[in-house]
């Protein structure tokens, strides 16, 4: 699917984020220079997330240096494509300080992105995907925030809480 850059000259994409039974529509920056997907604080609250209940702290040394953040799993829907589960770094920075970002981990692992700067367009197409029952998302705090997707038995996965409890 082909998209045009926003008037600011950047690749923004309209998406729907979901967590449990709550959904929000937002515009996200597709950022090949970002290591991770980033969720501003207010967007997490709008999805019903509670900062106090988070259990997967993350650390980053990039533009979020020093900002508290937690790993959260959200469902992302792009136009007519099937929804995919994505790991996000939920930060306490507000929408005024940080954009909703779709980065290398793990948006670029699910979608092939082709930027055409001269034309001010970008194309997105999904890669062949495994079922969510076969995916285990491991969130680890290293020198830089690293998120890894590992295949495991579907019997080890019961819900998002179970995903994080087994880390």
Protein backbone atom coordinates (compact mmCIF):
# COMPACT_ATOMS: atom_id res chain seq x y z
CA UNK A 1 0.00 0.00 0.00
CA UNK A 2 1.38 3.42 -0.97
CA UNK A 3 1.19 6.51 1.27
CA UNK A 4 2.17 10.14 0.78
CA UNK A 5 4.40 12.02 3.20
CA UNK A 6 2.62 14.52 5.46
CA UNK A 7 2.83 18.23 4.55
CA UNK A 8 5.80 18.52 6.98
CA UNK A 9 7.72 16.15 4.67
CA UNK A 10 7.67 13.20 7.06
CA UNK A 11 6.23 9.67 6.69
CA UNK A 12 3.18 9.68 8.97
CA UNK A 13 0.67 6.84 9.00
CA UNK A 14 -2.88 6.62 10.39
CA UNK A 15 -3.21 3.57 12.65
CA UNK A 16 -5.54 2.13 15.25
CA UNK A 17 -4.02 0.95 18.53
CA UNK A 18 -5.89 -1.48 20.77
CA UNK A 19 -5.39 -2.86 24.25
CA UNK A 20 -8.00 -5.24 25.61
CA UNK A 21 -11.33 -3.63 24.66
CA UNK A 22 -10.11 -0.06 24.14
CA UNK A 23 -9.02 1.37 20.78
CA UNK A 24 -7.68 4.74 19.68
CA UNK A 25 -6.92 6.15 16.24
CA UNK A 26 -3.66 8.04 15.95
CA UNK A 27 -1.09 9.26 13.45
CA UNK A 28 2.33 7.68 13.92
CA UNK A 29 5.73 8.54 12.50
CA UNK A 30 7.26 5.63 10.56
CA UNK A 31 10.86 6.03 11.71
CA UNK A 32 13.61 3.74 10.38
CA UNK A 33 16.07 5.55 12.66
CA UNK A 34 14.21 4.59 15.84
CA UNK A 35 15.29 1.35 17.50
CA UNK A 36 11.90 0.88 19.14
CA UNK A 37 8.19 1.65 18.89
CA UNK A 38 7.36 4.54 21.24
CA UNK A 39 4.02 5.26 22.94
CA UNK A 40 3.51 8.70 24.54
CA UNK A 41 2.12 8.72 28.07
CA UNK A 42 -1.37 10.06 27.26
CA UNK A 43 -1.91 7.48 24.51
CA UNK A 44 -1.23 4.70 27.02
CA UNK A 45 -3.73 6.20 29.45
CA UNK A 46 -6.29 6.51 26.62
CA UNK A 47 -5.83 2.75 26.05
CA UNK A 48 -6.55 2.01 29.71
CA UNK A 49 -2.96 1.29 30.72
CA UNK A 50 -1.96 2.01 34.32
CA UNK A 51 1.59 3.22 34.94
CA UNK A 52 1.59 1.77 38.46
CA UNK A 53 0.70 -1.72 37.21
CA UNK A 54 3.56 -2.03 34.70
CA UNK A 55 6.20 -4.68 35.37
CA UNK A 56 8.66 -4.56 32.45
CA UNK A 57 10.92 -1.53 32.93
CA UNK A 58 13.04 -0.50 29.95
CA UNK A 59 16.12 1.67 29.58
CA UNK A 60 17.14 3.65 26.52
CA UNK A 61 20.15 5.78 25.80
CA UNK A 62 18.74 7.51 22.75
CA UNK A 63 16.39 10.46 22.66
CA UNK A 64 14.44 9.02 25.63
CA UNK A 65 17.53 9.02 27.85
CA UNK A 66 16.53 9.32 31.48
CA UNK A 67 12.80 9.03 30.80
CA UNK A 68 11.05 6.23 32.70
CA UNK A 69 9.43 3.70 30.35
CA UNK A 70 7.85 0.27 30.35
CA UNK A 71 7.36 -2.40 27.71
CA UNK A 72 3.72 -2.92 26.71
CA UNK A 73 2.01 -5.07 24.09
CA UNK A 74 -0.57 -3.44 21.84
CA UNK A 75 -2.47 -4.46 18.75
CA UNK A 76 -1.78 -2.26 15.71
CA UNK A 77 -4.18 -2.06 12.76
CA UNK A 78 -3.10 -0.45 9.48
CA UNK A 79 -5.93 0.20 7.05
CA UNK A 80 -6.87 -3.11 5.38
CA UNK A 81 -4.03 -5.25 6.79
CA UNK A 82 -4.57 -7.82 9.53
CA UNK A 83 -3.92 -6.53 13.05
CA UNK A 84 -0.50 -7.35 14.54
CA UNK A 85 0.76 -7.41 18.12
CA UNK A 86 3.59 -4.96 18.67
CA UNK A 87 5.86 -4.17 21.62
CA UNK A 88 6.02 -0.48 22.55
CA UNK A 89 8.16 1.49 24.97
CA UNK A 90 5.53 3.41 26.94
CA UNK A 91 7.18 6.57 28.22
CA UNK A 92 6.11 9.21 30.72
CA UNK A 93 6.92 11.84 28.11
CA UNK A 94 3.84 13.63 26.79
CA UNK A 95 2.65 13.98 23.20
CA UNK A 96 4.17 17.47 23.27
CA UNK A 97 7.60 15.94 23.96
CA UNK A 98 7.59 12.75 21.87
CA UNK A 99 5.67 11.41 18.89
CA UNK A 100 3.96 8.07 18.56
CA UNK A 101 6.71 6.19 16.68
CA UNK A 102 6.75 2.96 14.70
CA UNK A 103 10.38 1.84 14.78
CA UNK A 104 12.71 -1.02 13.91
CA UNK A 105 11.57 -3.21 16.81
CA UNK A 106 9.20 -4.52 15.97
CA UNK A 107 7.19 -2.66 13.32
CA UNK A 108 9.90 -3.11 10.68
CA UNK A 109 10.03 -6.82 11.53
CA UNK A 110 6.37 -7.24 10.50
CA UNK A 111 6.24 -4.85 7.56
CA UNK A 112 8.48 -4.13 4.61
CA UNK A 113 8.86 -0.37 4.29
CA UNK A 114 10.14 1.37 1.15
CA UNK A 115 10.78 5.10 1.39
CA UNK A 116 10.77 7.11 -1.84
CA UNK A 117 12.08 10.47 -0.70
CA UNK A 118 12.17 12.10 -4.11
CA UNK A 119 8.50 11.23 -4.66
CA UNK A 120 7.58 12.03 -1.03
CA UNK A 121 5.89 8.63 -0.71
CA UNK A 122 6.44 5.38 1.17
CA UNK A 123 5.09 1.88 0.67
CA UNK A 124 4.19 -0.68 3.30
CA UNK A 125 3.53 -4.37 2.77
CA UNK A 126 3.28 -7.10 5.41
CA UNK A 127 5.85 -9.87 5.64
CA UNK A 128 4.64 -13.46 5.98
CA UNK A 129 3.73 -13.69 9.65
CA UNK A 130 3.55 -16.41 12.26
CA UNK A 131 0.45 -16.64 14.39
CA UNK A 132 0.52 -14.75 17.66
CA UNK A 133 0.23 -18.07 19.50
CA UNK A 134 3.72 -18.94 18.24
CA UNK A 135 5.31 -15.66 19.28
CA UNK A 136 6.94 -14.84 22.59
CA UNK A 137 8.08 -11.27 23.02
CA UNK A 138 11.02 -10.87 25.32
CA UNK A 139 11.66 -7.38 26.65
CA UNK A 140 15.12 -6.81 28.09
CA UNK A 141 16.95 -3.77 29.38
CA UNK A 142 20.47 -3.66 27.97
CA UNK A 143 22.78 -0.81 27.15
CA UNK A 144 20.19 0.19 24.57
CA UNK A 145 16.59 -1.00 24.69
CA UNK A 146 16.50 -4.33 22.84
CA UNK A 147 13.29 -6.18 22.09
CA UNK A 148 13.49 -9.66 20.60
CA UNK A 149 10.82 -11.90 19.13
CA UNK A 150 11.39 -15.58 19.84
CA UNK A 151 9.34 -18.62 18.72
CA UNK A 152 7.95 -20.77 21.53
CA UNK A 153 5.22 -23.32 22.11
CA UNK A 154 1.68 -21.85 22.09
CA UNK A 155 1.05 -23.67 25.39
CA UNK A 156 3.43 -21.22 27.16
CA UNK A 157 1.32 -18.24 26.17
CA UNK A 158 -1.95 -17.54 27.93
CA UNK A 159 -2.22 -13.75 27.79
CA UNK A 160 -0.03 -10.65 27.74
CA UNK A 161 0.46 -10.90 31.52
CA UNK A 162 1.68 -14.44 31.07
CA UNK A 163 4.10 -13.26 28.41
CA UNK A 164 5.79 -10.85 30.75
CA UNK A 165 5.60 -13.11 33.83
CA UNK A 166 7.67 -15.78 32.07
CA UNK A 167 10.53 -13.40 31.18
